[in-house]
Amino acid sequence: MFTCVGIAGLIGSLFIPLLIRLVPRRWVYSLGALCLVAAAALFVQDGPAGLLAGLIVRVLGVACLNVTLNLYIMDSIPRGDFVRSEPLRLAISGGAWTFCPSLGVFLYSRYGAGAADGLSAAAAVLLLVTFWTIRLSDNPAIAPAPLPPPNPLRSIGRFIAQPRLRLGWLIAFGRSSWWAQFFTFAPLYMVISGHSELASALLISLGNAMLFLTVLIGRLAERVGVRRVIVAAYLLAGVTTLAAALLVPTGFSLVVAALLLLASVWLSALDAVGNIPFLRAVRAVERPQMTTVFRTYIDLSELLPSALFAVLLSFFGLASVFATTGVLMLAIGLTARLLPRRL
């Protein structure tokens, strides 16, 4: 089911530039928020049909919001200010990422799905009201042109032809892959090790709480450069995740959890500056198409590692998931050295 949802989201997101050409961008953003409201309504329905429909609507809504938000960011913020603005944006969102996983589990277990999903829908409505209050305008440089929009497959080819965009995508894909395995397998490991579901939720919340450090990471990146922060964060995350994998068979579950939390510090550093290589490299006239291709890292980071982990878990234990993720972090960290030194 999750694989089908990921594929649907991947295909749907590639057609967002066409949607932006047909209607103003503000309506695409609004559609994304409304999709989140609709998804919450579908989730409270009993049975797998409502769950599947809700997941598909949700992933399409997130795609609309993600693409248009990145376009608004590139319109409104000068490139030289990304090092300051991106960490601040992540730090502000840290509150939701920290408290909502535990709050969602509490509301669901105490009051049912309606309470948890109702809070989600209310947040989406608040987002929509805030957006229309701000009334952001589109940049004329990327306004819909009278010519037909590029074919999505051609946009992919154009993206792949640009080395800096490819490297920016890989950096984003790696960090998203780590978070995907953390959200799934860290709580699973805690439950298997004998801890409660609430303890698993708290582990996720503590990992997300590291986003509050992103402002400090931004200041560090301003002093030493984005390139050094990205390379160092990936290498440290790789070493820490591998150490956690080595300790899984020993049964020291709290030590493993502590190492995964330490790794989340380095991943939060990547969250703070990880999108900057793409944001600085993309050309203004190609922003809708290239941003859409860029955000495929979100869908593919959930699809590809999950498929690999499914194979690994057929032959090996849970430690293989953390070990594979650690190796991936080290490989991307070494590759990230190809970033421009002036970045």
Protein backbone atom coordinates (compact mmCIF):
# COMPACT_ATOMS: atom_id res chain seq x y z
CA MET A 1 0.00 0.00 0.00
CA PHE A 2 2.76 2.44 0.93
CA THR A 3 4.60 1.58 -2.28
CA CYS A 4 1.51 2.34 -4.37
CA VAL A 5 1.00 5.61 -2.51
CA GLY A 6 4.62 6.60 -3.08
CA ILE A 7 4.36 5.88 -6.79
CA ALA A 8 1.12 7.88 -7.02
CA GLY A 9 2.73 10.81 -5.26
CA LEU A 10 5.81 10.64 -7.45
CA ILE A 11 3.80 10.65 -10.67
CA GLY A 12 1.38 13.31 -9.44
CA SER A 13 4.12 15.68 -8.34
CA LEU A 14 5.73 15.64 -11.78
CA PHE A 15 2.60 17.25 -13.21
CA ILE A 16 2.51 20.13 -10.73
CA PRO A 17 4.31 22.49 -13.18
CA LEU A 18 1.46 21.86 -15.64
CA LEU A 19 -1.02 22.72 -12.89
CA ILE A 20 0.90 25.91 -12.09
CA ARG A 21 0.77 26.85 -15.78
CA LEU A 22 -3.00 26.38 -15.87
CA VAL A 23 -3.94 28.15 -12.63
CA PRO A 24 -2.19 30.73 -10.41
CA ARG A 25 0.30 29.30 -7.98
CA ARG A 26 -1.67 30.50 -4.95
CA TRP A 27 -4.53 28.18 -5.93
CA VAL A 28 -2.14 25.23 -6.20
CA TYR A 29 -0.90 26.00 -2.69
CA SER A 30 -4.50 26.27 -1.47
CA LEU A 31 -5.33 22.96 -3.12
CA GLY A 32 -2.51 21.34 -1.18
CA ALA A 33 -3.88 22.58 2.14
CA LEU A 34 -7.40 21.44 1.26
CA CYS A 35 -6.03 18.00 0.34
CA LEU A 36 -4.68 17.69 3.89
CA VAL A 37 -8.14 18.47 5.27
CA ALA A 38 -9.71 15.89 2.95
CA ALA A 39 -7.07 13.31 3.90
CA ALA A 40 -7.86 13.75 7.59
CA ALA A 41 -11.56 13.14 6.85
CA LEU A 42 -10.70 9.98 4.91
CA PHE A 43 -8.42 8.63 7.65
CA VAL A 44 -11.24 8.46 10.18
CA GLN A 45 -13.22 6.10 7.93
CA ASP A 46 -13.07 2.43 8.82
CA GLY A 47 -11.40 -0.01 6.46
CA PRO A 48 -8.38 -0.04 4.15
CA ALA A 49 -10.18 1.86 1.36
CA GLY A 50 -10.37 5.06 3.42
CA LEU A 51 -6.78 4.62 4.54
CA LEU A 52 -5.50 4.18 0.98
CA ALA A 53 -7.53 7.12 -0.34
CA GLY A 54 -6.38 9.30 2.55
CA LEU A 55 -2.72 8.45 1.99
CA ILE A 56 -2.94 9.25 -1.73
CA VAL A 57 -4.76 12.55 -1.16
CA ARG A 58 -2.29 13.46 1.58
CA VAL A 59 0.82 12.78 -0.51
CA LEU A 60 -0.59 14.84 -3.40
CA GLY A 61 -1.40 17.69 -1.02
CA VAL A 62 2.09 17.62 0.45
CA ALA A 63 3.55 17.69 -3.06
CA CYS A 64 1.52 20.80 -3.96
CA LEU A 65 2.56 22.55 -0.75
CA ASN A 66 6.20 21.53 -1.00
CA VAL A 67 6.72 22.64 -4.60
CA THR A 68 4.89 25.96 -4.28
CA LEU A 69 6.51 26.74 -0.92
CA ASN A 70 9.99 26.29 -2.40
CA LEU A 71 9.02 28.57 -5.30
CA TYR A 72 7.81 31.25 -2.90
CA ILE A 73 11.04 30.91 -0.91
CA MET A 74 13.17 31.41 -4.02
CA ASP A 75 11.00 34.37 -5.07
CA SER A 76 11.05 36.16 -1.74
CA ILE A 77 14.50 35.49 -0.27
CA PRO A 78 17.82 36.49 -1.91
CA ARG A 79 20.20 33.59 -2.54
CA GLY A 80 22.77 35.00 -0.15
CA ASP A 81 20.26 34.86 2.72
CA PHE A 82 19.44 31.14 2.39
CA VAL A 83 22.09 30.22 4.99
CA ARG A 84 20.20 32.35 7.52
CA SER A 85 16.61 31.76 6.45
CA GLU A 86 16.60 27.96 5.97
CA PRO A 87 17.88 27.10 9.48
CA LEU A 88 15.41 29.58 10.97
CA ARG A 89 12.54 28.01 9.02
CA LEU A 90 13.48 24.53 10.25
CA ALA A 91 13.89 25.71 13.85
CA ILE A 92 10.42 27.27 13.83
CA SER A 93 8.92 24.03 12.51
CA GLY A 94 10.75 22.10 15.23
CA GLY A 95 7.87 22.60 17.65
CA ALA A 96 5.43 20.70 15.46
CA TRP A 97 7.94 17.96 14.67
CA THR A 98 8.81 17.57 18.37
CA PHE A 99 5.44 17.56 20.10
CA CYS A 100 2.98 16.31 17.48
CA PRO A 101 4.21 12.68 17.17
CA SER A 102 3.69 12.08 20.90
CA LEU A 103 0.53 14.20 20.93
CA GLY A 104 -0.88 12.24 18.00
CA VAL A 105 -0.25 8.91 19.70
CA PHE A 106 -1.84 10.22 22.91
CA LEU A 107 -4.95 11.58 21.18
CA TYR A 108 -5.37 8.45 19.08
CA SER A 109 -5.03 6.07 22.02
CA ARG A 110 -7.17 8.14 24.40
CA TYR A 111 -9.88 9.66 22.17
CA GLY A 112 -9.65 7.83 18.83
CA ALA A 113 -8.65 8.68 15.27
CA GLY A 114 -11.09 11.59 15.03
CA ALA A 115 -9.18 13.60 17.63
CA ALA A 116 -5.76 13.12 16.09
CA ASP A 117 -6.91 13.67 12.52
CA GLY A 118 -9.14 16.57 13.57
CA LEU A 119 -6.09 18.36 14.98
CA SER A 120 -4.29 17.75 11.68
CA ALA A 121 -7.21 19.18 9.69
CA ALA A 122 -7.39 22.22 11.97
CA ALA A 123 -3.69 22.89 11.41
CA ALA A 124 -4.20 22.74 7.63
CA VAL A 125 -7.09 25.22 7.86
CA LEU A 126 -4.95 27.55 9.97
CA LEU A 127 -2.19 27.29 7.36
CA LEU A 128 -4.63 28.21 4.58
CA VAL A 129 -5.98 31.22 6.48
CA THR A 130 -2.45 32.43 7.23
CA PHE A 131 -1.40 32.03 3.61
CA TRP A 132 -4.30 34.11 2.29
CA THR A 133 -3.68 36.72 4.98
CA ILE A 134 -0.08 37.14 3.81
CA ARG A 135 -1.19 37.15 0.13
CA LEU A 136 2.12 36.22 -1.47
CA SER A 137 2.42 37.08 -5.16
CA ASP A 138 4.07 35.14 -7.98
CA ASN A 139 7.40 36.15 -9.45
CA PRO A 140 6.86 37.40 -13.05
CA ALA A 141 10.08 35.64 -14.08
CA ILE A 142 8.38 32.27 -13.61
CA ALA A 143 4.81 33.23 -14.42
CA PRO A 144 2.88 30.94 -16.77
CA ALA A 145 4.06 31.36 -20.34
CA PRO A 146 1.87 31.13 -23.42
CA LEU A 147 3.86 28.15 -24.68
CA PRO A 148 2.92 24.60 -23.65
CA PRO A 149 4.73 23.48 -20.48
CA PRO A 150 7.65 21.06 -20.82
CA ASN A 151 7.00 17.35 -20.77
CA PRO A 152 7.70 15.92 -17.27
CA LEU A 153 10.13 13.39 -18.75
CA ARG A 154 12.03 16.20 -20.46
CA SER A 155 12.19 18.05 -17.17
CA ILE A 156 13.80 14.98 -15.60
CA GLY A 157 16.33 14.84 -18.43
CA ARG A 158 17.08 18.53 -18.06
CA PHE A 159 17.56 18.08 -14.31
CA ILE A 160 19.90 15.11 -14.72
CA ALA A 161 21.98 17.04 -17.27
CA GLN A 162 22.99 19.58 -14.60
CA PRO A 163 25.64 18.17 -12.20
CA ARG A 164 24.97 20.69 -9.42
CA LEU A 165 21.28 19.84 -9.41
CA ARG A 166 22.08 16.12 -9.33
CA LEU A 167 24.38 16.60 -6.36
CA GLY A 168 21.80 18.77 -4.57
CA TRP A 169 19.19 16.04 -5.10
CA LEU A 170 21.53 13.34 -3.73
CA ILE A 171 22.26 15.37 -0.60
CA ALA A 172 18.53 15.87 0.04
CA PHE A 173 17.76 12.21 -0.76
CA GLY A 174 20.33 10.94 1.73
CA ARG A 175 19.08 12.93 4.68
CA SER A 176 15.45 12.12 3.87
CA SER A 177 16.34 8.41 3.68
CA TRP A 178 17.87 8.55 7.15
CA TRP A 179 14.77 10.17 8.61
CA ALA A 180 12.54 7.63 6.83
CA GLN A 181 14.35 4.71 8.46
CA PHE A 182 14.46 6.53 11.82
CA PHE A 183 10.70 7.15 11.85
CA THR A 184 9.99 3.50 10.99
CA PHE A 185 12.71 1.31 12.46
CA ALA A 186 13.80 3.23 15.57
CA PRO A 187 10.37 2.87 17.24
CA LEU A 188 10.13 -0.70 15.95
CA TYR A 189 13.47 -1.45 17.58
CA MET A 190 12.28 0.08 20.86
CA VAL A 191 9.13 -2.06 20.93
CA ILE A 192 11.06 -5.23 20.03
CA SER A 193 13.49 -4.41 22.85
CA GLY A 194 10.65 -4.37 25.38
CA HIS A 195 9.87 -0.66 25.64
CA SER A 196 6.40 0.85 25.40
CA GLU A 197 4.80 2.51 22.38
CA LEU A 198 4.89 5.82 24.24
CA ALA A 199 8.66 5.43 24.69
CA SER A 200 8.93 4.86 20.94
CA ALA A 201 6.95 8.04 20.27
CA LEU A 202 9.15 9.97 22.70
CA LEU A 203 12.25 8.78 20.85
CA ILE A 204 10.85 10.21 17.62
CA SER A 205 9.92 13.46 19.36
CA LEU A 206 13.38 13.82 20.87
CA GLY A 207 14.96 13.20 17.49
CA ASN A 208 12.78 15.89 15.93
CA ALA A 209 13.59 18.25 18.82
CA MET A 210 17.12 18.50 17.43
CA LEU A 211 15.64 20.82 14.81
CA PHE A 212 15.84 23.57 17.43
CA LEU A 213 19.61 23.47 16.90
CA THR A 214 19.33 24.50 13.27
CA VAL A 215 19.72 28.22 14.03
CA LEU A 216 23.12 27.49 15.57
CA ILE A 217 23.99 25.33 12.57
CA GLY A 218 23.08 28.22 10.28
CA ARG A 219 25.45 30.53 12.12
CA LEU A 220 28.19 27.90 11.87
CA ALA A 221 27.57 27.55 8.12
CA GLU A 222 27.87 31.31 7.69
CA ARG A 223 31.33 31.15 9.27
CA VAL A 224 32.81 27.96 7.81
CA GLY A 225 30.66 27.45 4.69
CA VAL A 226 27.75 25.22 3.74
CA ARG A 227 30.00 22.67 2.04
CA ARG A 228 31.99 21.89 5.18
CA VAL A 229 28.87 21.57 7.31
CA ILE A 230 27.25 19.15 4.85
CA VAL A 231 30.33 16.94 4.49
CA ALA A 232 31.03 16.83 8.24
CA ALA A 233 27.39 16.17 9.15
CA TYR A 234 27.10 13.27 6.71
CA LEU A 235 30.34 11.65 7.89
CA LEU A 236 29.43 12.02 11.57
CA ALA A 237 25.92 10.68 10.93
CA GLY A 238 27.39 7.68 9.11
CA VAL A 239 29.80 6.82 11.91
CA THR A 240 27.16 7.25 14.63
CA THR A 241 24.54 5.17 12.80
CA LEU A 242 27.06 2.40 12.17
CA ALA A 243 27.96 2.40 15.87
CA ALA A 244 24.27 1.97 16.71
CA ALA A 245 24.06 -0.96 14.28
CA LEU A 246 27.02 -2.68 15.93
CA LEU A 247 25.39 -2.41 19.36
CA VAL A 248 21.96 -3.73 18.34
CA PRO A 249 22.89 -7.41 18.93
CA THR A 250 24.28 -6.60 22.40
CA GLY A 251 20.87 -5.69 23.81
CA PHE A 252 21.92 -2.25 25.09
CA SER A 253 18.77 -0.69 23.68
CA LEU A 254 19.08 2.62 25.51
CA VAL A 255 22.63 3.08 24.21
CA VAL A 256 21.42 2.35 20.68
CA ALA A 257 18.62 4.89 21.15
CA ALA A 258 21.12 7.45 22.43
CA LEU A 259 23.36 6.92 19.39
CA LEU A 260 20.40 7.34 17.05
CA LEU A 261 19.49 10.56 18.85
CA LEU A 262 23.08 11.75 18.43
CA ALA A 263 22.87 10.95 14.74
CA SER A 264 19.68 13.01 14.55
CA VAL A 265 21.75 16.02 15.62
CA TRP A 266 23.89 15.67 12.50
CA LEU A 267 20.78 15.09 10.36
CA SER A 268 19.23 18.26 11.74
CA ALA A 269 22.33 20.07 10.55
CA LEU A 270 21.67 18.65 7.10
CA ASP A 271 18.04 19.76 7.34
CA ALA A 272 19.27 23.27 8.10
CA VAL A 273 21.48 23.67 5.02
CA GLY A 274 20.81 20.58 2.88
CA ASN A 275 18.50 22.33 0.40
CA ILE A 276 20.84 25.27 -0.17
CA PRO A 277 22.95 23.59 -2.90
CA PHE A 278 19.80 23.17 -5.00
CA LEU A 279 18.29 26.56 -4.15
CA ARG A 280 21.45 28.34 -5.26
CA ALA A 281 21.99 26.26 -8.39
CA VAL A 282 18.56 26.26 -10.02
CA ARG A 283 17.89 28.83 -12.75
CA ALA A 284 14.98 31.24 -12.27
CA VAL A 285 13.24 30.36 -15.56
CA GLU A 286 13.36 26.63 -14.74
CA ARG A 287 12.25 26.81 -11.12
CA PRO A 288 8.79 25.16 -11.40
CA GLN A 289 10.06 22.21 -13.45
CA MET A 290 13.35 21.70 -11.58
CA THR A 291 11.74 22.14 -8.14
CA THR A 292 9.19 19.46 -9.00
CA VAL A 293 11.91 17.02 -10.03
CA PHE A 294 13.97 17.96 -6.97
CA ARG A 295 11.17 17.12 -4.53
CA THR A 296 11.04 13.56 -5.86
CA TYR A 297 13.75 12.87 -3.29
CA ILE A 298 10.94 12.76 -0.72
CA ASP A 299 9.00 10.00 -2.47
CA LEU A 300 12.05 8.03 -3.57
CA SER A 301 13.62 8.20 -0.11
CA GLU A 302 10.57 6.34 1.17
CA LEU A 303 10.31 3.91 -1.76
CA LEU A 304 13.89 2.81 -2.52
CA PRO A 305 15.26 2.27 1.01
CA SER A 306 12.05 0.52 2.08
CA ALA A 307 12.36 -1.92 -0.81
CA LEU A 308 16.02 -2.56 0.06
CA PHE A 309 15.24 -3.00 3.76
CA ALA A 310 12.47 -5.47 2.94
CA VAL A 311 15.05 -7.65 1.19
CA LEU A 312 17.65 -7.24 3.95
CA LEU A 313 15.19 -8.12 6.71
CA SER A 314 14.35 -11.35 4.89
CA PHE A 315 17.90 -12.56 5.60
CA PHE A 316 19.32 -10.42 8.41
CA GLY A 317 18.24 -8.71 11.61
CA LEU A 318 17.26 -5.11 12.30
CA ALA A 319 20.91 -4.12 12.66
CA SER A 320 21.29 -4.47 8.88
CA VAL A 321 18.92 -1.52 8.38
CA PHE A 322 21.01 0.79 10.54
CA ALA A 323 24.27 -0.49 9.06
CA THR A 324 23.10 0.06 5.48
CA THR A 325 21.88 3.55 6.35
CA GLY A 326 25.22 4.37 7.98
CA VAL A 327 27.14 3.26 4.89
CA LEU A 328 24.86 5.39 2.72
CA MET A 329 25.57 8.43 4.90
CA LEU A 330 29.33 7.91 4.59
CA ALA A 331 29.12 7.48 0.81
CA ILE A 332 27.09 10.67 0.34
CA GLY A 333 29.40 12.55 2.71
CA LEU A 334 32.39 11.68 0.55
CA THR A 335 30.47 12.61 -2.60
CA ALA A 336 29.43 15.95 -1.10
CA ARG A 337 33.06 17.05 -1.26
CA LEU A 338 32.33 17.80 -4.93
CA LEU A 339 30.26 20.81 -3.86
CA PRO A 340 31.80 24.16 -4.88
CA ARG A 341 34.25 25.36 -2.25
CA ARG A 342 32.73 28.83 -2.30
CA LEU A 343 29.35 27.42 -1.19
